[in-house]
Every structure is written in C-alpha cells, then in structure tokens.
Protein backbone atom coordinates (compact mmCIF):
# COMPACT_ATOMS: atom_id res chain seq x y z
CA MET A 1 28.13 9.77 5.63
CA ASN A 2 28.57 8.14 2.22
CA ASP A 3 25.47 5.97 2.05
CA THR A 4 23.51 5.82 -1.20
CA VAL A 5 19.92 4.78 -1.76
CA SER A 6 21.01 1.81 -3.86
CA GLY A 7 23.51 0.81 -1.16
CA LEU A 8 20.83 0.85 1.54
CA LEU A 9 18.51 -1.20 -0.65
CA ASP A 10 21.33 -3.68 -1.31
CA ALA A 11 21.70 -4.14 2.45
CA ILE A 12 18.10 -5.30 2.83
CA GLU A 13 17.91 -7.21 -0.45
CA PRO A 14 17.85 -10.69 1.19
CA VAL A 15 15.17 -9.83 3.76
CA GLY A 16 11.88 -11.55 3.02
CA ARG A 17 12.93 -12.93 -0.36
CA ASP A 18 10.29 -15.35 -1.62
CA PRO A 19 12.04 -18.27 -3.36
CA ARG A 20 8.87 -19.40 -5.09
CA SER A 21 8.04 -16.11 -6.85
CA GLY A 22 11.47 -14.51 -6.86
CA GLY A 23 9.93 -11.42 -5.27
CA TYR A 24 9.39 -10.46 -1.65
CA ARG A 25 7.02 -11.54 1.07
CA ARG A 26 7.12 -8.94 3.85
CA PRO A 27 3.68 -8.84 5.50
CA VAL A 28 3.32 -6.39 8.37
CA LEU A 29 4.78 -7.54 11.71
CA SER A 30 6.15 -10.72 10.13
CA THR A 31 9.75 -11.68 10.87
CA ALA A 32 10.82 -10.04 7.61
CA GLU A 33 8.98 -6.77 8.20
CA LEU A 34 10.12 -6.61 11.82
CA ASP A 35 13.69 -7.09 10.61
CA LEU A 36 13.21 -4.16 8.24
CA ARG A 37 11.74 -2.03 11.02
CA SER A 38 14.83 -2.81 13.11
CA TRP A 39 17.04 -1.94 10.14
CA PHE A 40 15.31 1.44 9.81
CA VAL A 41 15.71 2.18 13.52
CA GLN A 42 19.43 1.35 13.33
CA GLU A 43 19.93 3.54 10.27
CA ALA A 44 18.01 6.41 11.86
CA GLU A 45 19.96 6.18 15.12
CA LYS A 46 23.22 6.01 13.16
CA ARG A 47 22.24 9.45 11.86
CA GLY A 48 21.50 10.73 15.35
CA LEU A 49 17.75 10.80 14.78
CA GLY A 50 15.47 10.28 17.76
CA VAL A 51 13.25 7.25 17.20
CA GLU A 52 9.84 6.48 18.67
CA THR A 53 6.92 4.22 17.75
CA ASP A 54 3.46 5.70 18.17
CA ARG A 55 0.25 4.06 19.36
CA ASN A 56 -0.67 2.87 15.82
CA GLY A 57 2.71 1.33 15.05
CA VAL A 58 4.09 4.21 12.96
CA ILE A 59 7.83 4.69 13.48
CA TRP A 60 9.03 8.29 13.71
CA ALA A 61 12.68 9.35 13.35
CA TRP A 62 13.13 12.97 14.41
CA TRP A 63 15.90 15.34 13.37
CA GLY A 64 15.97 17.49 16.48
CA GLU A 65 13.10 17.77 18.92
CA PRO A 66 9.64 16.47 17.99
CA GLY A 67 7.02 19.15 17.55
CA ASP A 68 3.82 20.22 15.86
CA GLY A 69 3.70 21.41 12.26
CA ALA A 70 6.64 19.24 11.22
CA LEU A 71 7.76 18.48 7.70
CA VAL A 72 7.48 14.71 7.39
CA THR A 73 8.63 12.32 4.68
CA GLY A 74 8.75 8.53 4.48
CA SER A 75 6.86 5.52 3.21
CA HIS A 76 6.39 1.84 4.20
CA LEU A 77 8.40 -1.41 4.44
CA ASP A 78 5.75 -4.13 4.03
CA SER A 79 5.09 -5.77 0.65
CA VAL A 80 2.44 -7.59 -1.31
CA PRO A 81 3.04 -11.34 -1.76
CA GLY A 82 5.74 -11.73 -4.38
CA GLY A 83 6.24 -7.97 -4.60
CA GLY A 84 9.21 -6.00 -5.86
CA ALA A 85 12.15 -4.51 -4.00
CA PHE A 86 11.23 -0.84 -4.38
CA ASP A 87 7.55 -0.45 -3.47
CA GLY A 88 7.89 1.24 -0.08
CA PRO A 89 11.59 0.75 0.80
CA LEU A 90 12.71 3.15 -1.96
CA GLY A 91 10.93 6.03 -0.21
CA VAL A 92 12.33 5.05 3.18
CA ALA A 93 15.91 4.70 1.93
CA ALA A 94 15.66 7.96 -0.06
CA ALA A 95 14.44 9.78 3.05
CA LEU A 96 17.41 8.56 5.10
CA VAL A 97 19.93 9.56 2.43
CA ALA A 98 18.13 12.90 1.93
CA VAL A 99 18.91 13.65 5.59
CA ASP A 100 22.58 13.00 4.80
CA ARG A 101 22.45 15.30 1.78
CA LEU A 102 20.83 18.11 3.76
CA ARG A 103 23.51 17.88 6.41
CA GLU A 104 26.22 17.92 3.73
CA ARG A 105 24.66 21.17 2.49
CA GLY A 106 24.76 22.62 5.99
CA VAL A 107 20.96 22.75 6.29
CA GLN A 108 19.56 23.16 9.80
CA PRO A 109 15.80 22.59 9.94
CA ALA A 110 13.92 25.74 10.89
CA ARG A 111 10.98 23.63 12.04
CA PRO A 112 10.50 20.06 13.28
CA PHE A 113 11.37 17.36 10.75
CA ALA A 114 10.82 13.60 10.76
CA VAL A 115 11.03 10.47 8.65
CA ALA A 116 8.01 8.18 9.19
CA VAL A 117 7.45 4.51 8.39
CA PHE A 118 3.82 3.41 8.18
CA PRO A 119 2.68 -0.18 8.88
CA GLU A 120 0.49 -2.40 6.65
CA GLU A 121 0.34 -0.05 3.66
CA GLU A 122 -0.27 -2.96 1.30
CA GLY A 123 -2.94 -4.68 3.38
CA SER A 124 -1.40 -8.04 2.45
CA ARG A 125 -1.76 -9.54 5.93
CA PHE A 126 -4.96 -8.12 7.40
CA GLY A 127 -6.77 -7.06 4.24
CA VAL A 128 -6.97 -3.29 4.83
CA ALA A 129 -4.54 -1.16 2.87
CA CYS A 130 -2.86 1.88 4.49
CA LEU A 131 -3.95 0.55 7.87
CA GLY A 132 -1.54 2.67 9.94
CA SER A 133 -2.52 5.95 8.28
CA ARG A 134 -6.22 4.99 8.37
CA LEU A 135 -6.00 4.38 12.11
CA MET A 136 -4.10 7.62 12.67
CA THR A 137 -6.67 9.71 10.78
CA GLY A 138 -9.71 7.91 12.20
CA ALA A 139 -10.66 6.48 8.80
CA LEU A 140 -10.65 2.96 10.30
CA ASP A 141 -12.58 2.03 13.43
CA PRO A 142 -10.11 0.65 16.00
CA ASP A 143 -12.51 -2.09 17.13
CA LYS A 144 -12.78 -3.29 13.53
CA ALA A 145 -9.00 -3.11 13.20
CA ARG A 146 -8.36 -5.14 16.34
CA SER A 147 -10.68 -7.92 15.14
CA LEU A 148 -9.09 -8.26 11.68
CA THR A 149 -7.50 -11.67 11.12
CA ASP A 150 -4.78 -12.96 8.84
CA ALA A 151 -4.84 -16.22 6.86
CA ASP A 152 -3.67 -18.15 9.94
CA GLY A 153 -6.42 -16.76 12.16
CA THR A 154 -4.14 -14.39 14.09
CA THR A 155 -5.94 -11.19 15.01
CA LEU A 156 -4.38 -7.82 14.41
CA ALA A 157 -4.69 -7.19 18.15
CA ASP A 158 -2.60 -10.27 18.90
CA ALA A 159 -0.01 -9.40 16.25
CA TYR A 160 0.38 -5.87 17.60
CA ALA A 161 0.62 -7.11 21.19
CA LYS A 162 3.30 -9.64 20.22
CA ALA A 163 5.27 -6.80 18.59
CA GLY A 164 5.07 -4.79 21.82
CA ILE A 165 2.38 -2.33 20.66
CA ASP A 166 -0.67 -2.02 22.92
CA PRO A 167 -3.68 -2.85 20.70
CA HIS A 168 -6.06 -1.13 23.13
CA ARG A 169 -4.52 2.24 22.20
CA LEU A 170 -5.11 1.93 18.45
CA GLY A 171 -7.19 4.67 16.84
CA ARG A 172 -7.32 8.28 15.73
CA ASP A 173 -4.28 10.16 16.98
CA ASP A 174 -4.86 13.90 16.95
CA ALA A 175 -1.48 14.53 18.57
CA ALA A 176 0.30 12.70 15.75
CA LEU A 177 -1.73 14.52 13.10
CA ALA A 178 -0.88 17.87 14.70
CA ARG A 179 2.78 17.01 14.31
CA ILE A 180 2.42 16.72 10.52
CA GLY A 181 2.48 20.17 8.96
CA GLN A 182 3.21 18.73 5.50
CA PHE A 183 3.81 15.18 4.28
CA VAL A 184 5.84 14.31 1.17
CA GLU A 185 6.08 10.66 0.11
CA LEU A 186 8.58 9.49 -2.48
CA HIS A 187 7.60 6.24 -4.22
CA VAL A 188 8.50 4.12 -7.22
CA GLU A 189 6.12 4.79 -10.09
CA GLN A 190 3.87 1.79 -10.57
CA GLY A 191 3.12 2.34 -14.24
CA LYS A 192 4.59 3.60 -17.53
CA GLY A 193 4.01 7.35 -17.25
CA LEU A 194 7.65 8.32 -16.76
CA ILE A 195 8.90 5.83 -19.35
CA ASP A 196 6.60 7.31 -21.96
CA LEU A 197 7.68 10.84 -21.01
CA GLY A 198 11.37 10.00 -20.75
CA ARG A 199 11.67 11.66 -17.36
CA PRO A 200 13.15 10.36 -14.08
CA VAL A 201 10.81 11.99 -11.54
CA ALA A 202 7.19 13.15 -11.50
CA ILE A 203 4.95 15.00 -9.06
CA GLY A 204 1.74 13.27 -8.03
CA SER A 205 -1.57 15.01 -8.67
CA SER A 206 -4.14 12.52 -7.41
CA ILE A 207 -4.95 8.90 -6.56
CA LEU A 208 -7.77 6.96 -8.20
CA GLY A 209 -10.67 5.97 -6.00
CA HIS A 210 -10.45 2.30 -5.18
CA GLY A 211 -11.58 -0.36 -2.78
CA ARG A 212 -11.48 -4.02 -1.85
CA TRP A 213 -14.49 -6.28 -1.67
CA LYS A 214 -14.81 -9.90 -0.57
CA LEU A 215 -17.08 -11.93 -2.84
CA THR A 216 -18.22 -15.24 -1.35
CA VAL A 217 -19.81 -17.99 -3.46
CA THR A 218 -21.48 -20.77 -1.45
CA GLY A 219 -22.53 -24.15 -2.78
CA ILE A 220 -22.70 -27.73 -1.50
CA GLY A 221 -19.53 -29.51 -0.47
CA ASN A 222 -19.40 -33.12 -1.55
CA HIS A 223 -17.31 -36.07 -2.72
CA ALA A 224 -15.49 -35.59 -6.01
CA GLY A 225 -15.91 -39.24 -7.00
CA THR A 226 -19.45 -40.08 -5.94
CA THR A 227 -21.30 -36.93 -6.96
CA ALA A 228 -22.57 -36.91 -10.53
CA MET A 229 -22.00 -33.69 -12.47
CA ARG A 230 -25.77 -33.11 -12.76
CA ASP A 231 -26.12 -33.23 -8.95
CA ARG A 232 -23.48 -30.65 -8.13
CA ALA A 233 -23.74 -27.12 -6.77
CA ASP A 234 -20.06 -26.39 -7.23
CA PRO A 235 -19.02 -22.88 -6.13
CA VAL A 236 -15.64 -23.20 -7.86
CA VAL A 237 -17.30 -23.50 -11.26
CA ALA A 238 -19.51 -20.50 -10.49
CA ALA A 239 -16.61 -18.47 -9.10
CA ALA A 240 -14.45 -19.21 -12.12
CA GLU A 241 -17.19 -17.87 -14.39
CA ILE A 242 -17.55 -14.81 -12.15
CA VAL A 243 -13.84 -13.99 -12.56
CA GLY A 244 -14.40 -13.75 -16.31
CA LEU A 245 -17.46 -11.56 -15.75
CA VAL A 246 -15.42 -9.17 -13.58
CA ALA A 247 -12.90 -8.63 -16.37
CA ALA A 248 -15.61 -8.22 -19.02
CA LEU A 249 -17.57 -5.68 -16.98
CA ALA A 250 -14.43 -3.64 -16.28
CA ARG A 251 -13.43 -3.59 -19.96
CA ALA A 252 -16.85 -2.22 -20.82
CA GLU A 253 -16.23 0.85 -18.62
CA ASP A 254 -13.67 3.38 -19.89
CA ASP A 255 -10.63 3.71 -17.60
CA ALA A 256 -11.94 1.17 -15.06
CA ARG A 257 -9.70 -1.48 -13.51
CA ALA A 258 -11.05 -4.59 -11.76
CA THR A 259 -8.93 -7.46 -10.50
CA VAL A 260 -9.43 -10.78 -8.77
CA GLY A 261 -6.01 -11.41 -7.26
CA ARG A 262 -6.97 -13.90 -4.58
CA PHE A 263 -9.17 -16.99 -4.94
CA GLU A 264 -9.61 -19.46 -2.07
CA PRO A 265 -11.76 -22.62 -2.29
CA VAL A 266 -12.87 -24.03 1.07
CA PRO A 267 -11.79 -26.57 2.22
CA GLY A 268 -9.42 -26.84 -0.75
CA GLY A 269 -8.98 -30.61 -1.09
CA THR A 270 -8.09 -32.15 -4.45
CA ASN A 271 -10.85 -34.77 -4.21
CA VAL A 272 -13.40 -32.48 -2.58
CA ILE A 273 -16.14 -30.39 -4.18
CA ALA A 274 -15.74 -27.11 -2.31
CA SER A 275 -18.52 -25.81 -0.13
CA ARG A 276 -17.44 -22.18 -0.53
CA VAL A 277 -15.11 -19.98 -2.54
CA ASP A 278 -13.85 -16.63 -1.29
CA LEU A 279 -12.45 -14.25 -3.85
CA TRP A 280 -11.34 -10.67 -3.44
CA LEU A 281 -12.04 -7.80 -5.82
CA ASP A 282 -9.92 -4.70 -6.32
CA VAL A 283 -11.88 -2.09 -8.31
CA ARG A 284 -10.67 1.39 -9.36
CA HIS A 285 -11.77 4.36 -11.46
CA PRO A 286 -11.13 8.14 -11.34
CA ASP A 287 -14.87 8.73 -10.76
CA ASP A 288 -16.01 7.27 -7.43
CA ALA A 289 -19.59 6.92 -8.68
CA VAL A 290 -18.37 4.79 -11.57
CA THR A 291 -16.37 2.58 -9.18
CA ARG A 292 -19.41 2.07 -6.97
CA GLY A 293 -21.64 1.40 -9.95
CA LEU A 294 -19.22 -1.15 -11.35
CA VAL A 295 -19.10 -3.00 -8.03
CA ASP A 296 -22.90 -3.05 -7.93
CA ARG A 297 -23.03 -4.54 -11.43
CA ILE A 298 -20.42 -7.14 -10.51
CA GLY A 299 -22.47 -8.12 -7.46
CA ALA A 300 -25.68 -8.46 -9.49
CA GLU A 301 -24.00 -10.45 -12.26
CA ALA A 302 -22.24 -12.66 -9.71
CA ALA A 303 -25.53 -13.44 -7.97
CA GLY A 304 -27.14 -14.44 -11.26
CA CYS A 305 -24.17 -16.54 -12.29
CA ALA A 306 -24.08 -18.32 -8.93
CA GLN A 307 -27.80 -19.05 -9.10
CA ARG A 308 -27.40 -20.73 -12.50
CA HIS A 309 -24.99 -23.14 -10.84
CA GLY A 310 -27.20 -23.81 -7.83
CA CYS A 311 -25.10 -21.53 -5.63
CA LYS A 312 -25.35 -18.14 -3.93
CA ALA A 313 -23.03 -15.12 -4.10
CA ALA A 314 -22.64 -12.14 -1.78
CA VAL A 315 -20.30 -9.13 -1.85
CA VAL A 316 -18.99 -7.40 1.30
CA GLU A 317 -16.88 -4.22 1.30
CA GLU A 318 -13.60 -4.50 3.19
CA SER A 319 -12.07 -1.10 2.46
CA TRP A 320 -12.77 2.01 0.41
CA SER A 321 -10.67 5.03 -0.54
CA PRO A 322 -12.30 7.80 -2.57
CA THR A 323 -10.44 9.63 -5.32
CA VAL A 324 -7.94 11.98 -3.68
CA GLY A 325 -6.40 15.16 -5.05
CA PHE A 326 -3.16 16.25 -3.38
CA ASP A 327 -2.80 19.69 -1.84
CA PRO A 328 -2.69 22.20 -4.74
CA ALA A 329 -0.49 24.76 -2.98
CA LEU A 330 2.02 22.12 -1.91
CA GLY A 331 1.97 20.68 -5.43
CA ARG A 332 2.77 24.08 -6.92
CA ARG A 333 5.66 24.45 -4.46
CA LEU A 334 7.04 21.06 -5.51
CA ALA A 335 6.78 22.12 -9.15
CA ASP A 336 8.99 25.14 -8.32
CA LEU A 337 11.50 22.93 -6.49
CA VAL A 338 11.64 20.22 -9.18
CA PRO A 339 11.59 22.28 -12.39
CA GLY A 340 10.19 20.54 -15.43
CA ALA A 341 8.88 17.53 -13.54
CA PRO A 342 5.71 16.17 -15.15
CA VAL A 343 2.54 15.80 -13.09
CA LEU A 344 0.99 12.33 -12.97
CA ALA A 345 -2.08 10.77 -11.40
CA SER A 346 -1.58 7.46 -9.59
CA GLY A 347 -3.70 4.37 -9.97
CA ALA A 348 -2.15 2.93 -6.80
CA GLY A 349 -3.06 3.72 -3.20
CA HIS A 350 -0.56 5.30 -0.79
CA ASP A 351 -0.43 6.51 2.79
CA ALA A 352 -0.10 10.05 1.40
CA GLY A 353 -3.55 9.61 -0.11
CA ILE A 354 -5.06 8.76 3.26
CA LEU A 355 -3.22 11.56 5.08
CA ALA A 356 -4.32 14.06 2.41
CA ALA A 357 -7.76 14.26 4.01
CA ALA A 358 -6.19 15.56 7.23
CA VAL A 359 -2.90 17.31 6.35
CA PRO A 360 -1.30 18.89 3.24
CA SER A 361 0.27 15.98 1.37
CA ALA A 362 2.23 15.44 -1.84
CA MET A 363 4.04 12.68 -3.71
CA LEU A 364 7.10 12.24 -5.89
CA PHE A 365 7.32 9.28 -8.27
CA VAL A 366 10.60 7.74 -9.46
CA ARG A 367 10.93 6.12 -12.88
CA ASN A 368 10.37 2.37 -13.15
CA PRO A 369 11.83 1.24 -16.52
CA THR A 370 9.75 -1.95 -16.62
CA GLY A 371 6.48 -0.18 -15.90
CA ILE A 372 5.64 -3.22 -13.74
CA SER A 373 4.92 -3.22 -10.01
CA HIS A 374 3.65 -5.63 -7.35
CA SER A 375 5.91 -8.12 -9.12
CA PRO A 376 9.58 -9.19 -9.06
CA GLU A 377 9.97 -7.32 -12.39
CA GLU A 378 9.50 -3.97 -10.63
CA HIS A 379 12.74 -2.02 -11.06
CA VAL A 380 14.54 1.28 -10.52
CA GLU A 381 17.94 1.97 -12.08
CA ARG A 382 20.67 2.52 -9.49
CA SER A 383 21.38 6.00 -10.84
CA ASP A 384 17.69 6.99 -10.58
CA ALA A 385 17.46 5.54 -7.05
CA ASP A 386 20.52 7.49 -5.92
CA ASP A 387 19.42 10.69 -7.67
CA SER A 388 15.98 10.43 -6.04
CA ALA A 389 17.54 11.29 -2.67
CA ASP A 390 18.96 14.50 -4.13
CA VAL A 391 15.58 15.44 -5.59
CA LEU A 392 13.90 14.71 -2.26
CA ALA A 393 16.57 16.73 -0.46
CA ASP A 394 15.90 19.68 -2.80
CA VAL A 395 12.20 19.49 -1.96
CA LEU A 396 12.76 19.14 1.76
CA GLU A 397 15.27 22.01 1.84
CA GLY A 398 12.80 24.21 0.02
CA LEU A 399 10.02 23.36 2.45
CA LEU A 400 12.12 23.60 5.61
C-alpha cells in the first residue's frame, strides 16, 4: 500500500471546513465528525483491520485478534471551532500508515495491536475534554455525561443514541482498559518547542494541570433605549471587566495561562441589556495548587467586580485534569527508539494524559513550523507528516 500521511490528510481536507474562520468545525458526532469516523473505518478495513466501536464510542481497529495487554496507538478526529487540520487527524493518519510500514518491513505483531480513535477529545460540543477516555477510565460519572448538553440543547445521551451507541452503557470499561498494555499517541506539537530546537519529533514528558470553569455573571435584563445608564445592572459590562482581570491575574503568576475563549450574553439581542453572561475559563499551570489558587482568586475578583456593577458572579467547575507525568519506563524506551529526540512537556490536554492514570502511556510530538494551534494557521510540513509515520512505526516495532 502506497498511502502517505499527507495523502490521507488531503483526502479529508474538505470535511468540516468552516468558511467563516478558514479552519475546521468538527464537533463530536456532528455530520463532519461522523464522516471522519466512517473514513477511518474504511481505511482500517482496507488494511484488513477488524473494527469495533466500544460502549463509550471509542473506535478500535485490530491487527489480528483483539486481546488484553495490547499495544495501542491513535488519537482523535473532532476539532475545536475553527481549528487546524492536524490536531487529532495527524495521529490517526500516522497510525494507519505506520501499519503499512510495519507490514512492508515484514513485522508480525507478537502481541495484540490496535489503532484507537477517541471521541470528544476537544470538548467543543459538550464541554468536557477527553470525554471518551474519561468515561473509559471512570474519571467522568456516566450520569453526568449523559446529561451534558450542547449549545442547541441536545443531550449527550441523545447524540450518542442517534449515532447508534447505547447511552445507558456509558461508563468505566475495565475490559477495554485491560486491553491496553501500552498507549502511544502521536500528535502535532501545539507550541514552539521543536521550532526552537530545530528538531522534527519530540517525546512527551508531561501535561500541565488544567481545567475548565463556567463563570456566570447575572444582572437585570432591560430595554436598551429606556433604561438610563445610572439605573443599569449590566452583566456584559461587568463580564468585560472580568475578562481583563483574568488576564492580569494570570500574568502575575509565573508560567500560568488563563483564557476566556467563549463569552455568551443572554438573550443576546442588539437592543437588549442582557440579564446574564456566561463565560468559560481555561486555566493551566504545572503546579496544580497554583492552578487552583489562581481560579480561587479569579472567582473572588470576579465577585467583587460584579458587585460594583450591581451584579453577581459565580464560578462552577466543569472539568479538571491534574498535572500528568507519562510513564518513565515507557519514555526511556521511546528515547532508545527515537535517538536524539528532545523531551518536551505539553501545555495541551490529550487522551494519553487521561489514560496515563490507568495504563502506561507516552506521546510523540511532530513539529509545527507556525507554533500555532487551535487555529487555521496550525501546520505540519508534508515531509514531516510523512516521516512521522516512519518514526511511529519504529516505536511500535520496538514495543511489539
């Protein structure tokens, strides 16, 4: 088989293209993401892999018979709104081509081997990142998961049912975890580490602790034309000031990152003073205590700011992932198999980071010459994309 990683990515390039941003909009179980899931199944079956979807919506493509203690690689196919072409699909395409390369080398797996695709890694539809791996490991309560809703009010339970996955069976899957002896995820680097080092591939060491919090500012909805400025309790004004406070508080803490990437006035009319504003915080730091402390300070400052505008503010946690270090022994083995590869920490969350609490996990990062991710400017050179499959094949061969 003569497929290349860049060729596979070219084949799915039109799927979910967002004309407004120029990036991609591939929320989990949307038409675009379902089309990508079908594409993966077709590509896996073309390679003679046995495909199944588990109770949490993870797709497994097995080389040979399924079994416990398998070597597993893969990534995800969903995207953030306006995201790039490589975040997720690069790891899936590289895994498929790595299977081709192993076969060309005459490799026969000495233990079970699979490529896995995890759903809702980005959390762009239902608000919980790495949802599939969280469900599998028991890090997310299935009742909470079923009741999650998207922006249109569709519950996760309904979305899963529509896709043919029984939502009543969601939850910790010890049988699936037993099948994973080791997990290796290849992913585009989402920063400048490899650019600065002039290297094409790195080995992941850890993932920064991070979480998502919903901050709600409530005020008094009213008429934009009949309400004097002195009589207003406008949550948009308070929320706008809070966004500035979030950035200022994060800058005051070394190596902290805090972002407001979503801001929704309710009801959102042009001639309406909003009654409520919902905004979402993403906060990260290598030290979990610092992350928690920063969120507490943001909550306190937000409450004070809202009060000055005659409003109220409250913060609710939606998801939390502590700082994760990848398996040291597996990391050392990858260092032997990819000589000279630098070791980098990741500021971005990944399914490998969730699985690391339950099974030995590792990551490989591929150079992104723009250093930009979660944006249409995210990029991987075709030569680096194609070479990544060879690097992954080297790692897989060494671990099989």
